[in-house]
Amino acid sequence: MTQVMGAPAGAGFRPGLADLVERIRPRARQQADPQTIAQQVADVLAQMEPSPDLLTEAERAGSPEGYSRHTLHTEETFSLSAVVWRPGQVTEIHDHLVWCSFMVLQGTETETLYGIDGDRLVEIGERQRPAGSVSGAAPPDDIHRVHNTGDTVAITLHVYGTDLSNGTSVRRTYQQEPEDSPHNATGR
């Protein structure tokens, strides 16, 4: 993954970002369970319908070296990041430290969902998410892998329930071992 922090030099303005932050802020600051907050923030994304134009043309092109994350906003209770996925780019299987809401702004992403059965990592489903799809999740039910299985660049907007200016929301990554392995879920 390529990590890009903040706005590019001279960008100064991202259309719709200030309004989006203002609408998310009261939901992210409320005292509620993480799944409720994730769903309410997902509802804001669906209502606001942010555009890929939050990113510059160069940012929207992505990187051949791996999916790229562009941090758009951070504060104590939440962070906004846009992720650009060229065809074939994929994350590791992972889970998160905090709630997350996201929206597919462009293209299609495939999300593979996993669960733990005893000491085994098991695939429990797969979702194709086209542009406009919105979702929210919170630990512990958030083990997944995201993959651009399409033939065009995909862009997703993520809202995480913490300040990620100096880090990531990933709690742990998992290795998927063959079904006959006695221990196929490992945290790193």
N, C-alpha and C. Protein backbone atom coordinates (compact mmCIF):
# COMPACT_ATOMS: atom_id res chain seq x y z
N MET A 1 0.84 -1.17 0.00
CA MET A 1 0.00 0.00 0.00
C MET A 1 0.88 1.23 0.00
N THR A 2 0.50 2.22 -0.74
CA THR A 2 1.15 3.51 -0.76
C THR A 2 0.36 4.44 0.15
N GLN A 3 1.02 5.06 1.12
CA GLN A 3 0.35 5.97 2.06
C GLN A 3 0.67 7.40 1.66
N VAL A 4 -0.35 8.22 1.51
CA VAL A 4 -0.19 9.63 1.18
C VAL A 4 -0.91 10.42 2.24
N MET A 5 -0.20 11.30 2.93
CA MET A 5 -0.80 12.08 4.01
C MET A 5 -1.16 13.48 3.52
N GLY A 6 -2.36 13.92 3.89
CA GLY A 6 -2.75 15.31 3.66
C GLY A 6 -3.00 15.63 2.21
N ALA A 7 -3.32 16.87 1.98
CA ALA A 7 -3.62 17.35 0.64
C ALA A 7 -2.33 17.60 -0.12
N PRO A 8 -2.32 17.40 -1.44
CA PRO A 8 -1.12 17.70 -2.22
C PRO A 8 -0.84 19.19 -2.21
N ALA A 9 0.40 19.55 -2.46
CA ALA A 9 0.80 20.96 -2.47
C ALA A 9 -0.09 21.74 -3.43
N GLY A 10 -0.60 22.83 -2.94
CA GLY A 10 -1.42 23.69 -3.79
C GLY A 10 -2.87 23.27 -3.92
N ALA A 11 -3.27 22.12 -3.36
CA ALA A 11 -4.65 21.65 -3.53
C ALA A 11 -5.59 22.56 -2.76
N GLY A 12 -5.33 22.77 -1.46
CA GLY A 12 -6.07 23.73 -0.67
C GLY A 12 -7.56 23.47 -0.51
N PHE A 13 -8.23 22.97 -1.50
CA PHE A 13 -9.68 22.82 -1.45
C PHE A 13 -10.10 21.50 -2.07
N ARG A 14 -10.92 20.78 -1.32
CA ARG A 14 -11.47 19.52 -1.82
C ARG A 14 -12.98 19.69 -1.82
N PRO A 15 -13.61 19.72 -2.99
CA PRO A 15 -15.05 20.01 -3.10
C PRO A 15 -15.90 19.08 -2.22
N GLY A 16 -16.67 19.69 -1.33
CA GLY A 16 -17.58 18.95 -0.47
C GLY A 16 -17.00 18.42 0.82
N LEU A 17 -15.68 18.49 0.99
CA LEU A 17 -15.06 17.91 2.18
C LEU A 17 -15.49 18.62 3.47
N ALA A 18 -15.50 19.93 3.48
CA ALA A 18 -15.85 20.67 4.70
C ALA A 18 -17.27 20.34 5.15
N ASP A 19 -18.22 20.28 4.21
CA ASP A 19 -19.60 19.93 4.56
C ASP A 19 -19.69 18.51 5.08
N LEU A 20 -18.97 17.61 4.47
CA LEU A 20 -18.97 16.21 4.90
C LEU A 20 -18.44 16.08 6.32
N VAL A 21 -17.34 16.75 6.62
CA VAL A 21 -16.76 16.73 7.97
C VAL A 21 -17.76 17.27 8.98
N GLU A 22 -18.43 18.37 8.66
CA GLU A 22 -19.40 18.96 9.58
C GLU A 22 -20.58 18.03 9.85
N ARG A 23 -20.99 17.26 8.86
CA ARG A 23 -22.11 16.33 9.04
C ARG A 23 -21.69 15.08 9.81
N ILE A 24 -20.46 14.65 9.65
CA ILE A 24 -19.96 13.45 10.34
C ILE A 24 -19.65 13.74 11.80
N ARG A 25 -19.09 14.90 12.07
CA ARG A 25 -18.57 15.24 13.40
C ARG A 25 -19.53 14.93 14.55
N PRO A 26 -20.78 15.37 14.55
CA PRO A 26 -21.64 15.08 15.72
C PRO A 26 -21.92 13.59 15.89
N ARG A 27 -21.96 12.84 14.82
CA ARG A 27 -22.19 11.40 14.95
C ARG A 27 -20.96 10.70 15.50
N ALA A 28 -19.79 11.11 15.06
CA ALA A 28 -18.54 10.50 15.54
C ALA A 28 -18.26 10.83 16.99
N ARG A 29 -18.76 11.95 17.46
CA ARG A 29 -18.50 12.38 18.85
C ARG A 29 -19.52 11.85 19.86
N GLN A 30 -20.60 11.27 19.39
CA GLN A 30 -21.64 10.83 20.32
C GLN A 30 -21.19 9.64 21.17
N GLN A 31 -21.84 9.49 22.29
CA GLN A 31 -21.58 8.37 23.19
C GLN A 31 -22.58 7.28 22.84
N ALA A 32 -22.21 6.38 21.95
CA ALA A 32 -23.07 5.28 21.52
C ALA A 32 -22.18 4.08 21.22
N ASP A 33 -22.80 2.93 21.02
CA ASP A 33 -21.99 1.75 20.71
C ASP A 33 -21.39 1.93 19.31
N PRO A 34 -20.21 1.34 19.07
CA PRO A 34 -19.50 1.55 17.80
C PRO A 34 -20.30 1.16 16.56
N GLN A 35 -21.09 0.10 16.62
CA GLN A 35 -21.87 -0.30 15.45
C GLN A 35 -22.92 0.75 15.11
N THR A 36 -23.54 1.35 16.11
CA THR A 36 -24.53 2.42 15.88
C THR A 36 -23.86 3.62 15.23
N ILE A 37 -22.70 4.01 15.74
CA ILE A 37 -21.98 5.15 15.15
C ILE A 37 -21.60 4.84 13.71
N ALA A 38 -21.06 3.65 13.45
CA ALA A 38 -20.67 3.26 12.09
C ALA A 38 -21.86 3.36 11.13
N GLN A 39 -23.01 2.89 11.57
CA GLN A 39 -24.20 2.94 10.70
C GLN A 39 -24.67 4.37 10.49
N GLN A 40 -24.64 5.19 11.52
CA GLN A 40 -25.07 6.59 11.37
C GLN A 40 -24.13 7.36 10.44
N VAL A 41 -22.83 7.10 10.54
CA VAL A 41 -21.88 7.75 9.64
C VAL A 41 -22.07 7.23 8.21
N ALA A 42 -22.35 5.94 8.06
CA ALA A 42 -22.65 5.40 6.73
C ALA A 42 -23.88 6.09 6.14
N ASP A 43 -24.88 6.36 6.98
CA ASP A 43 -26.07 7.07 6.51
C ASP A 43 -25.72 8.47 6.02
N VAL A 44 -24.80 9.15 6.70
CA VAL A 44 -24.35 10.47 6.26
C VAL A 44 -23.69 10.36 4.88
N LEU A 45 -22.83 9.37 4.70
CA LEU A 45 -22.18 9.19 3.40
C LEU A 45 -23.22 8.99 2.30
N ALA A 46 -24.21 8.16 2.58
CA ALA A 46 -25.26 7.90 1.59
C ALA A 46 -26.03 9.18 1.26
N GLN A 47 -26.33 9.99 2.28
CA GLN A 47 -27.07 11.24 2.06
C GLN A 47 -26.25 12.28 1.32
N MET A 48 -24.97 12.38 1.67
CA MET A 48 -24.12 13.43 1.10
C MET A 48 -23.63 13.08 -0.31
N GLU A 49 -23.52 11.79 -0.63
CA GLU A 49 -23.04 11.33 -1.93
C GLU A 49 -21.76 12.03 -2.37
N PRO A 50 -20.68 11.88 -1.58
CA PRO A 50 -19.42 12.52 -1.98
C PRO A 50 -18.96 12.00 -3.34
N SER A 51 -18.14 12.80 -3.98
CA SER A 51 -17.69 12.54 -5.35
C SER A 51 -16.21 12.16 -5.37
N PRO A 52 -15.79 11.42 -6.40
CA PRO A 52 -14.35 11.18 -6.58
C PRO A 52 -13.56 12.48 -6.72
N ASP A 53 -14.25 13.59 -7.00
CA ASP A 53 -13.59 14.89 -7.14
C ASP A 53 -13.00 15.39 -5.83
N LEU A 54 -13.23 14.67 -4.72
CA LEU A 54 -12.51 14.98 -3.48
C LEU A 54 -11.00 14.82 -3.70
N LEU A 55 -10.65 14.02 -4.70
CA LEU A 55 -9.24 13.77 -5.02
C LEU A 55 -8.85 14.50 -6.30
N THR A 56 -7.57 14.81 -6.41
CA THR A 56 -7.07 15.41 -7.64
C THR A 56 -7.02 14.34 -8.73
N GLU A 57 -6.87 14.75 -9.95
CA GLU A 57 -6.76 13.81 -11.06
C GLU A 57 -5.59 12.84 -10.84
N ALA A 58 -4.46 13.35 -10.39
CA ALA A 58 -3.29 12.49 -10.13
C ALA A 58 -3.59 11.48 -9.02
N GLU A 59 -4.26 11.91 -7.97
CA GLU A 59 -4.61 10.99 -6.87
C GLU A 59 -5.57 9.90 -7.35
N ARG A 60 -6.52 10.27 -8.21
CA ARG A 60 -7.51 9.31 -8.71
C ARG A 60 -6.89 8.27 -9.62
N ALA A 61 -5.69 8.50 -10.13
CA ALA A 61 -5.03 7.54 -11.01
C ALA A 61 -4.49 6.33 -10.25
N GLY A 62 -4.23 6.48 -8.96
CA GLY A 62 -3.69 5.36 -8.17
C GLY A 62 -2.22 5.14 -8.43
N SER A 63 -1.69 4.05 -7.87
CA SER A 63 -0.27 3.72 -7.98
C SER A 63 -0.11 2.28 -8.46
N PRO A 64 0.82 2.06 -9.37
CA PRO A 64 1.06 0.68 -9.81
C PRO A 64 1.69 -0.19 -8.72
N GLU A 65 2.21 0.44 -7.66
CA GLU A 65 2.90 -0.29 -6.59
C GLU A 65 1.95 -0.89 -5.57
N GLY A 66 0.69 -0.51 -5.57
CA GLY A 66 -0.29 -1.02 -4.62
C GLY A 66 -1.34 0.03 -4.39
N TYR A 67 -2.43 -0.37 -3.76
CA TYR A 67 -3.50 0.60 -3.52
C TYR A 67 -2.93 1.76 -2.72
N SER A 68 -3.49 2.95 -2.91
CA SER A 68 -2.97 4.13 -2.23
C SER A 68 -4.04 4.76 -1.36
N ARG A 69 -3.62 5.20 -0.19
CA ARG A 69 -4.52 5.83 0.78
C ARG A 69 -4.16 7.31 0.88
N HIS A 70 -5.18 8.16 0.75
CA HIS A 70 -5.00 9.61 0.84
C HIS A 70 -5.78 10.11 2.06
N THR A 71 -5.06 10.58 3.05
CA THR A 71 -5.71 11.10 4.25
C THR A 71 -6.26 12.48 3.94
N LEU A 72 -7.59 12.63 4.10
CA LEU A 72 -8.26 13.88 3.76
C LEU A 72 -8.56 14.75 4.97
N HIS A 73 -8.75 14.11 6.14
CA HIS A 73 -9.09 14.85 7.35
C HIS A 73 -8.84 13.97 8.56
N THR A 74 -8.29 14.56 9.63
CA THR A 74 -8.15 13.86 10.90
C THR A 74 -8.49 14.81 12.04
N GLU A 75 -9.11 14.25 13.05
CA GLU A 75 -9.32 14.95 14.32
C GLU A 75 -9.44 13.86 15.38
N GLU A 76 -9.62 14.23 16.62
CA GLU A 76 -9.57 13.26 17.71
C GLU A 76 -10.54 12.09 17.56
N THR A 77 -11.75 12.33 17.08
CA THR A 77 -12.76 11.27 17.08
C THR A 77 -12.96 10.55 15.75
N PHE A 78 -12.38 11.07 14.67
CA PHE A 78 -12.50 10.36 13.39
C PHE A 78 -11.49 10.86 12.36
N SER A 79 -11.30 10.03 11.34
CA SER A 79 -10.44 10.36 10.21
C SER A 79 -11.14 9.98 8.92
N LEU A 80 -10.90 10.75 7.86
CA LEU A 80 -11.41 10.42 6.53
C LEU A 80 -10.23 10.12 5.62
N SER A 81 -10.33 9.01 4.92
CA SER A 81 -9.31 8.63 3.96
C SER A 81 -9.97 8.15 2.68
N ALA A 82 -9.37 8.48 1.56
CA ALA A 82 -9.81 7.92 0.28
C ALA A 82 -8.78 6.87 -0.13
N VAL A 83 -9.26 5.75 -0.62
CA VAL A 83 -8.38 4.68 -1.06
C VAL A 83 -8.61 4.47 -2.55
N VAL A 84 -7.51 4.43 -3.30
CA VAL A 84 -7.57 4.26 -4.74
C VAL A 84 -6.99 2.89 -5.08
N TRP A 85 -7.78 2.10 -5.80
CA TRP A 85 -7.44 0.71 -6.12
C TRP A 85 -7.37 0.53 -7.63
N ARG A 86 -6.21 0.24 -8.14
CA ARG A 86 -6.14 -0.14 -9.55
C ARG A 86 -6.62 -1.59 -9.67
N PRO A 87 -7.01 -2.00 -10.89
CA PRO A 87 -7.48 -3.38 -11.05
C PRO A 87 -6.48 -4.39 -10.49
N GLY A 88 -7.02 -5.36 -9.76
CA GLY A 88 -6.20 -6.43 -9.19
C GLY A 88 -5.60 -6.13 -7.83
N GLN A 89 -5.63 -4.91 -7.37
CA GLN A 89 -5.03 -4.58 -6.07
C GLN A 89 -5.91 -5.07 -4.94
N VAL A 90 -5.26 -5.56 -3.86
CA VAL A 90 -5.97 -6.25 -2.79
C VAL A 90 -5.29 -5.99 -1.45
N THR A 91 -6.06 -5.98 -0.38
CA THR A 91 -5.50 -5.87 0.97
C THR A 91 -5.17 -7.26 1.49
N GLU A 92 -4.45 -7.30 2.60
CA GLU A 92 -4.32 -8.53 3.35
C GLU A 92 -5.65 -8.76 4.07
N ILE A 93 -5.87 -9.95 4.55
CA ILE A 93 -7.01 -10.20 5.42
C ILE A 93 -6.69 -9.49 6.73
N HIS A 94 -7.64 -8.67 7.23
CA HIS A 94 -7.36 -7.85 8.41
C HIS A 94 -8.64 -7.51 9.15
N ASP A 95 -8.47 -7.01 10.37
CA ASP A 95 -9.56 -6.44 11.14
C ASP A 95 -9.12 -5.08 11.65
N HIS A 96 -9.99 -4.41 12.41
CA HIS A 96 -9.73 -3.03 12.79
C HIS A 96 -9.81 -2.80 14.29
N LEU A 97 -9.19 -1.72 14.72
CA LEU A 97 -9.23 -1.29 16.12
C LEU A 97 -10.51 -0.53 16.45
N VAL A 98 -11.11 0.09 15.46
CA VAL A 98 -12.23 1.01 15.66
C VAL A 98 -13.31 0.78 14.61
N TRP A 99 -14.45 1.45 14.79
CA TRP A 99 -15.51 1.38 13.79
C TRP A 99 -15.04 2.02 12.49
N CYS A 100 -15.66 1.60 11.41
CA CYS A 100 -15.35 2.16 10.09
C CYS A 100 -16.62 2.20 9.26
N SER A 101 -16.81 3.29 8.54
CA SER A 101 -17.88 3.42 7.56
C SER A 101 -17.21 3.72 6.23
N PHE A 102 -17.79 3.21 5.15
CA PHE A 102 -17.17 3.50 3.86
C PHE A 102 -18.20 3.54 2.75
N MET A 103 -17.79 4.20 1.67
CA MET A 103 -18.63 4.32 0.48
C MET A 103 -17.75 4.11 -0.75
N VAL A 104 -18.27 3.37 -1.73
CA VAL A 104 -17.58 3.20 -3.00
C VAL A 104 -17.96 4.40 -3.87
N LEU A 105 -16.95 5.21 -4.21
CA LEU A 105 -17.19 6.42 -5.00
C LEU A 105 -17.10 6.15 -6.50
N GLN A 106 -16.29 5.16 -6.87
CA GLN A 106 -16.06 4.87 -8.29
C GLN A 106 -15.67 3.42 -8.43
N GLY A 107 -16.11 2.77 -9.49
CA GLY A 107 -15.73 1.39 -9.74
C GLY A 107 -16.49 0.42 -8.85
N THR A 108 -15.93 -0.76 -8.68
CA THR A 108 -16.53 -1.81 -7.86
C THR A 108 -15.45 -2.44 -7.02
N GLU A 109 -15.77 -2.70 -5.76
CA GLU A 109 -14.84 -3.45 -4.92
C GLU A 109 -15.51 -4.77 -4.53
N THR A 110 -14.67 -5.75 -4.28
CA THR A 110 -15.15 -7.03 -3.77
C THR A 110 -14.63 -7.16 -2.35
N GLU A 111 -15.54 -7.39 -1.41
CA GLU A 111 -15.17 -7.56 -0.01
C GLU A 111 -15.43 -9.02 0.36
N THR A 112 -14.38 -9.70 0.80
CA THR A 112 -14.51 -11.07 1.30
C THR A 112 -14.54 -10.99 2.81
N LEU A 113 -15.58 -11.58 3.41
CA LEU A 113 -15.79 -11.53 4.86
C LEU A 113 -15.33 -12.84 5.50
N TYR A 114 -14.74 -12.72 6.69
CA TYR A 114 -14.21 -13.89 7.40
C TYR A 114 -14.72 -13.90 8.84
N GLY A 115 -14.70 -15.08 9.43
CA GLY A 115 -15.02 -15.24 10.83
C GLY A 115 -14.03 -16.21 11.44
N ILE A 116 -14.08 -16.33 12.75
CA ILE A 116 -13.21 -17.27 13.46
C ILE A 116 -14.10 -18.40 13.98
N ASP A 117 -13.73 -19.61 13.65
CA ASP A 117 -14.42 -20.80 14.14
C ASP A 117 -13.41 -21.57 14.98
N GLY A 118 -13.49 -21.40 16.30
CA GLY A 118 -12.47 -21.99 17.18
C GLY A 118 -11.16 -21.29 16.96
N ASP A 119 -10.21 -21.99 16.37
CA ASP A 119 -8.92 -21.37 16.06
C ASP A 119 -8.68 -21.30 14.55
N ARG A 120 -9.77 -21.36 13.79
CA ARG A 120 -9.66 -21.35 12.33
C ARG A 120 -10.29 -20.10 11.73
N LEU A 121 -9.63 -19.54 10.75
CA LEU A 121 -10.17 -18.43 9.97
C LEU A 121 -11.02 -19.06 8.86
N VAL A 122 -12.28 -18.66 8.76
CA VAL A 122 -13.16 -19.22 7.74
C VAL A 122 -13.82 -18.11 6.94
N GLU A 123 -13.90 -18.32 5.63
CA GLU A 123 -14.59 -17.37 4.77
C GLU A 123 -16.09 -17.55 4.98
N ILE A 124 -16.80 -16.44 5.23
CA ILE A 124 -18.23 -16.54 5.49
C ILE A 124 -19.08 -15.82 4.44
N GLY A 125 -18.44 -15.17 3.50
CA GLY A 125 -19.23 -14.52 2.46
C GLY A 125 -18.40 -13.58 1.62
N GLU A 126 -19.03 -13.11 0.55
CA GLU A 126 -18.38 -12.16 -0.34
C GLU A 126 -19.44 -11.19 -0.84
N ARG A 127 -19.06 -9.93 -0.93
CA ARG A 127 -19.98 -8.90 -1.41
C ARG A 127 -19.32 -8.11 -2.53
N GLN A 128 -20.05 -7.94 -3.60
CA GLN A 128 -19.64 -7.04 -4.68
C GLN A 128 -20.27 -5.70 -4.35
N ARG A 129 -19.46 -4.67 -4.28
CA ARG A 129 -19.98 -3.34 -3.92
C ARG A 129 -19.70 -2.37 -5.07
N PRO A 130 -20.74 -2.04 -5.85
CA PRO A 130 -20.57 -1.07 -6.94
C PRO A 130 -20.57 0.36 -6.40
N ALA A 131 -20.26 1.31 -7.27
CA ALA A 131 -20.28 2.73 -6.90
C ALA A 131 -21.62 3.07 -6.27
N GLY A 132 -21.56 3.82 -5.16
CA GLY A 132 -22.75 4.20 -4.41
C GLY A 132 -23.02 3.31 -3.21
N SER A 133 -22.38 2.15 -3.14
CA SER A 133 -22.57 1.25 -2.00
C SER A 133 -21.98 1.87 -0.75
N VAL A 134 -22.69 1.70 0.37
CA VAL A 134 -22.28 2.25 1.66
C VAL A 134 -22.42 1.16 2.70
N SER A 135 -21.48 1.15 3.66
CA SER A 135 -21.56 0.18 4.75
C SER A 135 -20.83 0.71 5.97
N GLY A 136 -21.12 0.08 7.11
CA GLY A 136 -20.43 0.41 8.35
C GLY A 136 -20.20 -0.87 9.13
N ALA A 137 -19.07 -0.96 9.81
CA ALA A 137 -18.75 -2.15 10.61
C ALA A 137 -17.97 -1.73 11.84
N ALA A 138 -17.99 -2.61 12.84
CA ALA A 138 -17.26 -2.35 14.07
C ALA A 138 -16.72 -3.68 14.60
N PRO A 139 -15.57 -3.62 15.28
CA PRO A 139 -15.03 -4.82 15.88
C PRO A 139 -16.04 -5.41 16.86
N PRO A 140 -16.08 -6.71 17.02
CA PRO A 140 -15.16 -7.72 16.52
C PRO A 140 -15.59 -8.34 15.20
N ASP A 141 -16.70 -7.92 14.63
CA ASP A 141 -17.23 -8.57 13.42
C ASP A 141 -16.78 -7.87 12.15
N ASP A 142 -15.48 -7.69 11.98
CA ASP A 142 -15.02 -6.89 10.85
C ASP A 142 -13.79 -7.48 10.17
N ILE A 143 -13.62 -8.79 10.18
CA ILE A 143 -12.47 -9.40 9.51
C ILE A 143 -12.81 -9.49 8.02
N HIS A 144 -11.95 -8.90 7.19
CA HIS A 144 -12.23 -8.89 5.75
C HIS A 144 -10.98 -8.66 4.92
N ARG A 145 -11.15 -8.85 3.63
CA ARG A 145 -10.14 -8.51 2.62
C ARG A 145 -10.88 -7.77 1.52
N VAL A 146 -10.28 -6.70 1.01
CA VAL A 146 -10.90 -5.90 -0.04
C VAL A 146 -10.04 -6.02 -1.29
N HIS A 147 -10.72 -6.15 -2.45
CA HIS A 147 -10.03 -6.44 -3.69
C HIS A 147 -10.75 -5.70 -4.83
N ASN A 148 -9.98 -5.07 -5.69
CA ASN A 148 -10.57 -4.50 -6.91
C ASN A 148 -10.52 -5.59 -7.96
N THR A 149 -11.65 -6.26 -8.15
CA THR A 149 -11.74 -7.34 -9.14
C THR A 149 -12.24 -6.81 -10.49
N GLY A 150 -12.50 -5.51 -10.56
CA GLY A 150 -12.97 -4.91 -11.81
C GLY A 150 -11.82 -4.59 -12.75
N ASP A 151 -12.16 -3.99 -13.88
CA ASP A 151 -11.14 -3.63 -14.86
C ASP A 151 -10.91 -2.13 -14.96
N THR A 152 -11.45 -1.37 -13.98
CA THR A 152 -11.22 0.07 -13.91
C THR A 152 -10.75 0.44 -12.50
N VAL A 153 -10.24 1.64 -12.34
CA VAL A 153 -9.82 2.12 -11.03
C VAL A 153 -11.06 2.25 -10.13
N ALA A 154 -10.94 1.78 -8.90
CA ALA A 154 -11.99 1.94 -7.90
C ALA A 154 -11.51 2.93 -6.85
N ILE A 155 -12.43 3.72 -6.32
CA ILE A 155 -12.11 4.68 -5.26
C ILE A 155 -13.13 4.50 -4.14
N THR A 156 -12.63 4.36 -2.91
CA THR A 156 -13.51 4.23 -1.75
C THR A 156 -13.16 5.32 -0.75
N LEU A 157 -14.19 5.78 -0.03
CA LEU A 157 -14.01 6.79 1.01
C LEU A 157 -14.29 6.11 2.34
N HIS A 158 -13.34 6.19 3.27
CA HIS A 158 -13.44 5.53 4.57
C HIS A 158 -13.44 6.56 5.69
N VAL A 159 -14.29 6.33 6.67
CA VAL A 159 -14.32 7.15 7.89
C VAL A 159 -14.02 6.19 9.03
N TYR A 160 -12.93 6.44 9.76
CA TYR A 160 -12.50 5.59 10.87
C TYR A 160 -12.72 6.34 12.19
N GLY A 161 -13.11 5.61 13.22
CA GLY A 161 -13.46 6.22 14.50
C GLY A 161 -12.31 6.57 15.40
N THR A 162 -11.27 7.17 14.86
CA THR A 162 -10.14 7.66 15.65
C THR A 162 -9.26 8.56 14.77
N ASP A 163 -8.33 9.24 15.40
CA ASP A 163 -7.35 10.06 14.68
C ASP A 163 -6.26 9.15 14.15
N LEU A 164 -6.18 9.02 12.84
CA LEU A 164 -5.18 8.15 12.21
C LEU A 164 -4.03 8.94 11.59
N SER A 165 -3.78 10.14 12.08
CA SER A 165 -2.73 10.96 11.47
C SER A 165 -1.35 10.34 11.64
N ASN A 166 -1.18 9.47 12.62
CA ASN A 166 0.13 8.83 12.82
C ASN A 166 0.06 7.31 12.80
N GLY A 167 -0.93 6.76 12.13
CA GLY A 167 -1.01 5.31 12.15
C GLY A 167 -2.10 4.75 11.27
N THR A 168 -2.52 3.55 11.61
CA THR A 168 -3.50 2.82 10.83
C THR A 168 -4.60 2.31 11.75
N SER A 169 -5.71 1.94 11.17
CA SER A 169 -6.81 1.37 11.95
C SER A 169 -6.73 -0.15 12.01
N VAL A 170 -5.77 -0.73 11.30
CA VAL A 170 -5.65 -2.19 11.28
C VAL A 170 -5.15 -2.69 12.63
N ARG A 171 -5.90 -3.60 13.21
CA ARG A 171 -5.51 -4.20 14.48
C ARG A 171 -4.59 -5.38 14.22
N ARG A 172 -4.98 -6.24 13.30
CA ARG A 172 -4.21 -7.47 13.06
C ARG A 172 -4.44 -7.91 11.62
N THR A 173 -3.45 -8.59 11.05
CA THR A 173 -3.61 -9.23 9.75
C THR A 173 -3.62 -10.74 9.98
N TYR A 174 -4.19 -11.45 9.04
CA TYR A 174 -4.37 -12.90 9.15
C TYR A 174 -3.77 -13.60 7.95
N GLN A 175 -3.28 -14.79 8.18
CA GLN A 175 -2.82 -15.66 7.10
C GLN A 175 -3.85 -16.75 6.92
N GLN A 176 -4.28 -16.95 5.69
CA GLN A 176 -5.24 -18.01 5.44
C GLN A 176 -4.46 -19.26 5.04
N GLU A 177 -4.59 -20.29 5.85
CA GLU A 177 -3.90 -21.54 5.59
C GLU A 177 -4.88 -22.55 5.03
N PRO A 178 -4.37 -23.65 4.49
CA PRO A 178 -5.27 -24.67 3.94
C PRO A 178 -6.27 -25.15 4.99
N GLU A 179 -7.43 -25.59 4.52
CA GLU A 179 -8.51 -26.04 5.40
C GLU A 179 -8.08 -27.13 6.38
N ASP A 180 -7.12 -27.96 6.00
CA ASP A 180 -6.73 -29.07 6.87
C ASP A 180 -5.68 -28.69 7.90
N SER A 181 -5.27 -27.41 7.93
CA SER A 181 -4.29 -26.96 8.92
C SER A 181 -4.98 -26.79 10.27
N PRO A 182 -4.35 -27.23 11.37
CA PRO A 182 -5.00 -27.12 12.68
C PRO A 182 -5.09 -25.70 13.21
N HIS A 183 -4.26 -24.78 12.75
CA HIS A 183 -4.28 -23.39 13.23
C HIS A 183 -4.11 -22.47 12.05
N ASN A 184 -5.23 -22.02 11.50
CA ASN A 184 -5.07 -21.18 10.32
C ASN A 184 -5.40 -19.71 10.54
N ALA A 185 -5.55 -19.26 11.77
CA ALA A 185 -5.73 -17.83 12.06
C ALA A 185 -4.56 -17.37 12.90
N THR A 186 -3.78 -16.46 12.36
CA THR A 186 -2.62 -15.97 13.11
C THR A 186 -2.60 -14.46 13.07
N GLY A 187 -2.42 -13.85 14.20
CA GLY A 187 -2.30 -12.39 14.25
C GLY A 187 -0.86 -11.99 14.09
N ARG A 188 -0.64 -10.85 13.42
CA ARG A 188 0.71 -10.31 13.30
C ARG A 188 0.70 -8.91 13.82
